[in-house]
Amino acid sequence: MPKMRAMVSPGPGQPLRLEERDLPAPGAHEVRVRVQACGVCHSDAIVVEGHMPGLSYPRVPGHEVIGLVDAVGPDVEGWRVGERVGVGWFPGACGRCGHCRRGETFACEVIQGATGLTRDGGYATHMVAHASALARVPDELDAVESAPLLCAGVTTFNALRNSGARGGDVVAVHGVGGLGHLGVQFAARLGFRTVAVNRGRDKEALARSLGAHEYIDSEAQDPAAALQAMGGARAIIATVTNREAMEAVSRGLAVNGTLLVIGAVGPLTVDSMDLLQKRAAVKGWYSGTSADSEDTLSFCKLQAISSMNEVFPFEQAQAAYDRMLSGKARFRVVLRIDG
């Protein structure tokens, strides 16, 4: 029987190990994907470190996948062998039950399984995905550069386009890292007056090269006061993982502004009087459907947006994961996989 290789998490807190497995056959409504590249995301720690009760092991992590359809199972419509596809965290809007049309994007995840979490993901030469999880990938996009767009990209793009900001509004991207360097590109290309907020000035030149019109050094000045001097931010995309920094920048919102939290910091305290006086809001935003992924990929093709990555060979998945977890990667980590 044909074989595949996978980097497997054998159990919570255990090192990844290389396994050879039988090549799986896709079931009903499924396709098999030959993986070309897979991003290494901080959310992979949910599996590798065992942060969610009830997960089953062994499990193959990875939910930022670019590859080619390798086989098509029964009752799959609209997909054929050889097509380029992306597979993100959640399946997409299949149109069967209406949950996604009502904005309940978690509904299909419960039924069909989340890639790299409750079903095996992309740290492998091949994977099986539900057909509703697939996003079409433009031929012009590089597999390695595009893989992080299936999670980091769709999260920032979705947050921005649902922020309520309009062209010309001040939009701040708080943190110029794995999420923020994409957020700056998206915000600038969407026509916002884009303000990058980061600690220190070492990323100022980069932020401006990505499209930022203004740069605020949060070590040298109060970022909220600096944003208020610009009239306040219609939206702040908070990508940092520091609670105090996120709380401080929230006061930079304009009237009817929204703080969109996409960095995980745990409990967050904001000034209720500040929110009341401005009719401002704090909102979380998390990933999206496969349709959102297609929108993100198409926009990136149109606007020449790509992720900046450190690339590791498939066999060095543990080193890639450790690099990502260290917080020192510039800016995303991607496995290049030769199937």
Protein backbone atom coordinates (compact mmCIF):
# COMPACT_ATOMS: atom_id res chain seq x y z
CA MET A 1 0.00 0.00 0.00
CA PRO A 2 1.30 3.54 -0.78
CA LYS A 3 2.74 5.37 2.20
CA MET A 4 2.82 8.92 3.55
CA ARG A 5 4.90 10.61 6.24
CA ALA A 6 3.65 12.72 9.11
CA MET A 7 5.10 14.62 12.07
CA VAL A 8 2.87 13.44 14.88
CA SER A 9 2.11 14.74 18.35
CA PRO A 10 1.97 11.47 20.35
CA GLY A 11 0.52 13.10 23.46
CA PRO A 12 0.39 16.36 25.45
CA GLY A 13 3.84 17.86 25.99
CA GLN A 14 5.66 15.13 24.06
CA PRO A 15 8.08 15.87 21.19
CA LEU A 16 6.86 15.50 17.64
CA ARG A 17 7.89 12.24 16.00
CA LEU A 18 8.15 11.19 12.36
CA GLU A 19 5.81 8.37 11.37
CA GLU A 20 5.23 6.48 8.15
CA ARG A 21 1.58 5.68 7.60
CA ASP A 22 -0.63 4.07 4.98
CA LEU A 23 -1.92 6.65 2.54
CA PRO A 24 -5.53 7.31 3.64
CA ALA A 25 -8.43 7.10 1.23
CA PRO A 26 -10.88 10.02 1.40
CA GLY A 27 -14.37 9.20 2.58
CA ALA A 28 -17.70 10.70 1.58
CA HIS A 29 -17.50 14.50 1.13
CA GLU A 30 -13.72 14.37 1.61
CA VAL A 31 -10.63 14.92 -0.52
CA ARG A 32 -7.02 13.93 0.00
CA VAL A 33 -4.50 16.76 -0.29
CA ARG A 34 -0.81 16.40 -1.15
CA VAL A 35 0.68 19.06 1.08
CA GLN A 36 3.20 21.52 -0.36
CA ALA A 37 3.56 23.85 2.63
CA CYS A 38 2.11 24.21 6.11
CA GLY A 39 2.40 27.15 8.45
CA VAL A 40 3.41 26.61 12.06
CA CYS A 41 0.95 28.63 14.13
CA HIS A 42 0.85 29.37 17.86
CA SER A 43 -2.56 27.68 17.96
CA ASP A 44 -0.78 24.39 17.20
CA ALA A 45 0.23 24.45 20.86
CA ILE A 46 -3.35 23.54 21.73
CA VAL A 47 -2.58 20.06 20.43
CA VAL A 48 1.15 19.76 21.07
CA GLU A 49 0.94 21.02 24.67
CA GLY A 50 -2.53 19.57 25.35
CA HIS A 51 -4.32 22.83 26.18
CA MET A 52 -7.79 21.49 25.34
CA PRO A 53 -9.35 18.69 27.37
CA GLY A 54 -10.70 15.72 25.48
CA LEU A 55 -8.38 15.76 22.47
CA SER A 56 -7.45 12.38 21.07
CA TYR A 57 -3.88 11.33 20.26
CA PRO A 58 -1.79 10.72 18.29
CA ARG A 59 -2.64 13.82 16.26
CA VAL A 60 -0.99 15.57 13.32
CA PRO A 61 -1.00 19.37 13.89
CA GLY A 62 -1.18 22.05 11.23
CA HIS A 63 -4.00 24.25 9.92
CA GLU A 64 -2.27 26.62 7.47
CA VAL A 65 -2.08 24.26 4.51
CA ILE A 66 -1.41 24.78 0.81
CA GLY A 67 -1.40 21.75 -1.49
CA LEU A 68 -2.91 19.90 -4.42
CA VAL A 69 -5.99 17.72 -4.52
CA ASP A 70 -4.62 14.18 -4.72
CA ALA A 71 -7.81 12.11 -4.57
CA VAL A 72 -11.54 12.82 -4.40
CA GLY A 73 -13.95 10.80 -2.29
CA PRO A 74 -17.59 9.96 -2.99
CA ASP A 75 -20.24 12.70 -3.11
CA VAL A 76 -17.73 15.51 -3.66
CA GLU A 77 -18.79 18.14 -6.17
CA GLY A 78 -16.76 20.99 -7.63
CA TRP A 79 -13.26 19.66 -6.97
CA ARG A 80 -10.93 17.63 -9.15
CA VAL A 81 -7.51 16.02 -8.83
CA GLY A 82 -4.67 18.48 -9.41
CA GLU A 83 -6.43 21.65 -8.20
CA ARG A 84 -4.54 23.97 -5.84
CA VAL A 85 -6.26 24.26 -2.49
CA GLY A 86 -5.81 25.81 0.90
CA VAL A 87 -7.08 24.31 4.14
CA GLY A 88 -7.50 26.50 7.20
CA TRP A 89 -8.64 25.95 10.75
CA PHE A 90 -12.35 25.56 10.08
CA PRO A 91 -14.47 24.05 7.33
CA GLY A 92 -16.38 26.54 5.28
CA ALA A 93 -19.95 27.46 4.54
CA CYS A 94 -21.32 24.37 2.81
CA GLY A 95 -24.81 25.84 2.59
CA ARG A 96 -26.56 22.78 4.00
CA CYS A 97 -27.82 23.99 7.37
CA GLY A 98 -27.66 27.78 7.34
CA HIS A 99 -25.49 28.15 10.46
CA CYS A 100 -22.71 29.97 8.61
CA ARG A 101 -25.19 32.26 6.88
CA ARG A 102 -26.22 33.36 10.37
CA GLY A 103 -22.60 33.97 11.31
CA GLU A 104 -22.25 30.84 13.44
CA THR A 105 -18.84 29.92 12.04
CA PHE A 106 -18.12 27.40 14.79
CA ALA A 107 -21.09 25.19 13.93
CA CYS A 108 -19.44 23.18 11.15
CA GLU A 109 -16.28 22.73 13.21
CA VAL A 110 -18.26 20.80 15.80
CA ILE A 111 -19.78 18.53 13.16
CA GLN A 112 -16.91 17.98 10.75
CA GLY A 113 -13.78 18.51 12.83
CA ALA A 114 -11.17 21.24 12.96
CA THR A 115 -8.02 20.75 10.88
CA GLY A 116 -5.01 19.93 13.02
CA LEU A 117 -7.13 19.78 16.17
CA THR A 118 -9.87 17.16 16.05
CA ARG A 119 -8.73 15.77 12.69
CA ASP A 120 -5.18 15.37 11.35
CA GLY A 121 -3.62 18.43 9.76
CA GLY A 122 -0.80 19.57 7.53
CA TYR A 123 2.44 18.56 9.28
CA ALA A 124 2.42 15.72 6.77
CA THR A 125 3.00 14.86 3.14
CA HIS A 126 -0.73 14.14 2.75
CA MET A 127 -3.91 14.90 4.67
CA VAL A 128 -7.64 14.30 4.30
CA ALA A 129 -10.00 17.28 4.52
CA HIS A 130 -13.73 17.77 4.32
CA ALA A 131 -14.57 19.32 0.95
CA SER A 132 -16.26 22.30 2.63
CA ALA A 133 -12.89 23.18 4.22
CA LEU A 134 -11.20 23.80 0.87
CA ALA A 135 -10.34 27.23 -0.48
CA ARG A 136 -9.20 27.81 -4.06
CA VAL A 137 -5.63 29.14 -4.30
CA PRO A 138 -4.67 31.43 -7.21
CA ASP A 139 -1.87 30.00 -9.35
CA GLU A 140 0.16 33.18 -8.92
CA LEU A 141 0.59 32.72 -5.16
CA ASP A 142 3.66 30.90 -3.82
CA ALA A 143 2.78 27.96 -1.59
CA VAL A 144 5.23 28.80 1.21
CA GLU A 145 4.45 32.52 1.24
CA SER A 146 0.70 31.85 1.18
CA ALA A 147 0.37 29.13 3.82
CA PRO A 148 0.12 31.54 6.80
CA LEU A 149 -2.67 33.39 5.03
CA LEU A 150 -4.96 30.47 5.91
CA CYS A 151 -4.96 31.52 9.59
CA ALA A 152 -2.90 34.63 10.37
CA GLY A 153 -3.94 36.20 7.09
CA VAL A 154 -7.66 35.48 7.15
CA THR A 155 -7.86 36.52 10.82
CA THR A 156 -6.35 39.97 10.26
CA PHE A 157 -8.10 40.55 6.92
CA ASN A 158 -11.47 39.51 8.30
CA ALA A 159 -11.05 41.66 11.40
CA LEU A 160 -10.22 44.72 9.30
CA ARG A 161 -13.00 44.33 6.77
CA ASN A 162 -15.53 43.81 9.57
CA SER A 163 -14.20 46.65 11.73
CA GLY A 164 -16.62 49.31 10.51
CA ALA A 165 -13.76 51.50 9.28
CA ARG A 166 -14.03 53.14 5.89
CA GLY A 167 -11.44 54.43 3.45
CA GLY A 168 -9.45 57.29 4.95
CA ASP A 169 -10.25 56.39 8.57
CA VAL A 170 -7.42 56.04 11.06
CA VAL A 171 -6.77 52.35 11.71
CA ALA A 172 -4.03 51.28 14.11
CA VAL A 173 -2.27 47.93 13.97
CA HIS A 174 -0.93 47.23 17.44
CA GLY A 175 2.14 45.01 17.17
CA VAL A 176 4.27 44.47 14.07
CA GLY A 177 4.83 40.73 14.35
CA GLY A 178 3.43 37.55 12.84
CA LEU A 179 -0.11 38.94 12.66
CA GLY A 180 0.71 42.63 12.62
CA HIS A 181 3.02 42.63 9.59
CA LEU A 182 0.08 41.24 7.61
CA GLY A 183 -2.37 43.62 9.27
CA VAL A 184 -0.32 46.65 8.18
CA GLN A 185 -0.35 45.45 4.57
CA PHE A 186 -4.08 44.76 4.60
CA ALA A 187 -4.98 48.05 6.28
CA ALA A 188 -2.93 50.11 3.85
CA ARG A 189 -4.30 48.32 0.78
CA LEU A 190 -7.87 48.68 2.06
CA GLY A 191 -7.40 52.44 2.00
CA PHE A 192 -7.14 53.21 5.70
CA ARG A 193 -4.79 55.77 7.23
CA THR A 194 -2.63 53.04 8.66
CA VAL A 195 -0.78 53.55 11.95
CA ALA A 196 1.66 50.93 13.17
CA VAL A 197 2.12 50.81 16.95
CA ASN A 198 5.09 48.90 18.32
CA ARG A 199 7.56 49.00 21.19
CA GLY A 200 10.83 50.62 20.09
CA ARG A 201 11.81 51.92 16.69
CA ASP A 202 13.53 48.85 15.27
CA LYS A 203 10.49 47.94 13.16
CA GLU A 204 9.61 51.43 11.96
CA ALA A 205 11.34 51.15 8.59
CA LEU A 206 9.76 47.75 7.99
CA ALA A 207 6.29 48.98 8.96
CA ARG A 208 6.55 51.93 6.62
CA SER A 209 7.81 49.71 3.79
CA LEU A 210 4.71 47.52 4.30
CA GLY A 211 2.45 50.53 3.92
CA ALA A 212 2.14 52.22 7.33
CA HIS A 213 1.57 55.96 7.02
CA GLU A 214 2.43 56.67 10.66
CA TYR A 215 4.47 54.90 13.33
CA ILE A 216 4.08 55.16 17.10
CA ASP A 217 6.84 53.98 19.42
CA SER A 218 4.92 52.90 22.52
CA GLU A 219 8.10 53.09 24.61
CA ALA A 220 8.71 56.73 23.76
CA GLN A 221 5.15 58.05 23.97
CA ASP A 222 1.66 57.19 25.15
CA PRO A 223 0.15 55.37 22.14
CA ALA A 224 -3.41 56.30 23.10
CA ALA A 225 -2.56 60.00 23.31
CA ALA A 226 -0.73 59.80 19.99
CA LEU A 227 -3.78 58.22 18.34
CA GLN A 228 -6.08 60.83 19.87
CA ALA A 229 -3.84 63.54 18.40
CA MET A 230 -4.70 62.04 15.00
CA GLY A 231 -8.43 62.22 15.81
CA GLY A 232 -8.67 58.77 17.34
CA ALA A 233 -8.64 55.36 15.70
CA ARG A 234 -11.81 54.08 14.07
CA ALA A 235 -10.37 50.63 14.63
CA ILE A 236 -7.42 49.18 16.53
CA ILE A 237 -6.31 45.71 15.50
CA ALA A 238 -4.66 44.39 18.66
CA THR A 239 -2.22 41.60 17.77
CA VAL A 240 0.08 41.79 20.80
CA THR A 241 0.20 39.23 23.59
CA ASN A 242 0.74 41.76 26.38
CA ARG A 243 -2.39 42.59 28.36
CA GLU A 244 -1.15 45.90 29.80
CA ALA A 245 -0.09 47.16 26.38
CA MET A 246 -3.48 46.26 24.89
CA GLU A 247 -5.33 47.97 27.73
CA ALA A 248 -3.25 51.13 27.31
CA VAL A 249 -3.81 51.49 23.56
CA SER A 250 -7.59 50.98 23.88
CA ARG A 251 -7.98 54.58 25.04
CA GLY A 252 -6.87 55.68 21.58
CA LEU A 253 -10.23 54.77 20.05
CA ALA A 254 -12.29 57.43 18.32
CA VAL A 255 -16.04 57.91 18.78
CA ASN A 256 -17.74 54.72 17.54
CA GLY A 257 -14.33 53.06 17.39
CA THR A 258 -13.71 49.35 17.88
CA LEU A 259 -10.83 47.52 19.51
CA LEU A 260 -10.55 44.22 17.66
CA VAL A 261 -8.69 41.69 19.78
CA ILE A 262 -6.90 39.00 17.78
CA GLY A 263 -3.97 38.46 20.16
CA ALA A 264 -4.62 36.16 23.12
CA VAL A 265 -3.86 37.88 26.43
CA GLY A 266 -6.37 36.31 28.81
CA PRO A 267 -8.51 38.61 31.01
CA LEU A 268 -8.64 42.17 29.67
CA THR A 269 -9.70 45.32 31.54
CA VAL A 270 -10.82 48.45 29.71
CA ASP A 271 -12.14 51.80 30.95
CA SER A 272 -15.94 51.50 30.86
CA MET A 273 -16.40 55.27 31.06
CA ASP A 274 -14.16 55.72 28.04
CA LEU A 275 -16.24 53.19 26.11
CA LEU A 276 -19.51 54.81 27.18
CA GLN A 277 -18.47 58.34 26.27
CA LYS A 278 -17.29 57.25 22.83
CA ARG A 279 -19.92 54.59 22.09
CA ALA A 280 -16.82 52.44 21.53
CA ALA A 281 -16.60 48.66 21.56
CA VAL A 282 -14.24 45.78 22.25
CA LYS A 283 -14.65 42.81 19.98
CA GLY A 284 -12.82 39.55 19.45
CA TRP A 285 -12.20 38.15 16.01
CA TYR A 286 -11.10 34.65 15.15
CA SER A 287 -10.29 33.14 11.75
CA GLY A 288 -13.12 32.57 9.26
CA THR A 289 -14.68 30.13 6.83
CA SER A 290 -13.16 28.72 3.66
CA ALA A 291 -15.03 31.41 1.72
CA ASP A 292 -13.23 34.02 3.83
CA SER A 293 -9.94 32.27 3.08
CA GLU A 294 -10.65 32.51 -0.65
CA ASP A 295 -11.39 36.22 -0.28
CA THR A 296 -8.13 36.69 1.61
CA LEU A 297 -6.07 34.82 -0.97
CA SER A 298 -7.69 36.71 -3.85
CA PHE A 299 -7.06 40.05 -2.18
CA CYS A 300 -3.43 39.10 -1.55
CA LYS A 301 -3.01 38.22 -5.22
CA LEU A 302 -4.61 41.50 -6.29
CA GLN A 303 -2.56 43.64 -3.91
CA ALA A 304 0.72 41.66 -3.92
CA ILE A 305 0.53 40.88 -0.20
CA SER A 306 2.57 38.03 1.21
CA SER A 307 3.73 36.69 4.53
CA MET A 308 7.33 37.06 5.69
CA ASN A 309 8.52 33.69 6.89
CA GLU A 310 11.27 31.55 8.30
CA VAL A 311 11.16 28.29 6.34
CA PHE A 312 12.05 24.85 7.69
CA PRO A 313 12.14 21.46 5.96
CA PHE A 314 9.39 19.04 6.92
CA GLU A 315 11.76 16.80 8.88
CA GLN A 316 12.64 19.74 11.18
CA ALA A 317 9.06 20.29 12.33
CA GLN A 318 10.08 20.17 16.01
CA ALA A 319 12.72 22.87 15.48
CA ALA A 320 10.19 24.93 13.52
CA TYR A 321 7.62 24.56 16.31
CA ASP A 322 10.18 25.52 18.96
CA ARG A 323 11.20 28.57 16.92
CA MET A 324 7.61 29.69 16.62
CA LEU A 325 6.97 29.16 20.33
CA SER A 326 10.05 31.20 21.25
CA GLY A 327 8.47 34.35 19.81
CA LYS A 328 11.71 35.19 18.00
CA ALA A 329 10.66 34.22 14.46
CA ARG A 330 10.46 36.99 11.83
CA PHE A 331 7.58 36.73 11.28
CA ARG A 332 5.84 33.42 10.56
CA VAL A 333 7.25 29.89 10.45
CA VAL A 334 6.45 27.56 7.57
CA LEU A 335 7.25 23.93 6.79
CA ARG A 336 8.21 23.26 3.18
CA ILE A 337 6.94 19.76 2.44
CA ASP A 338 8.09 17.56 -0.41
CA GLY A 339 5.30 15.00 -0.80
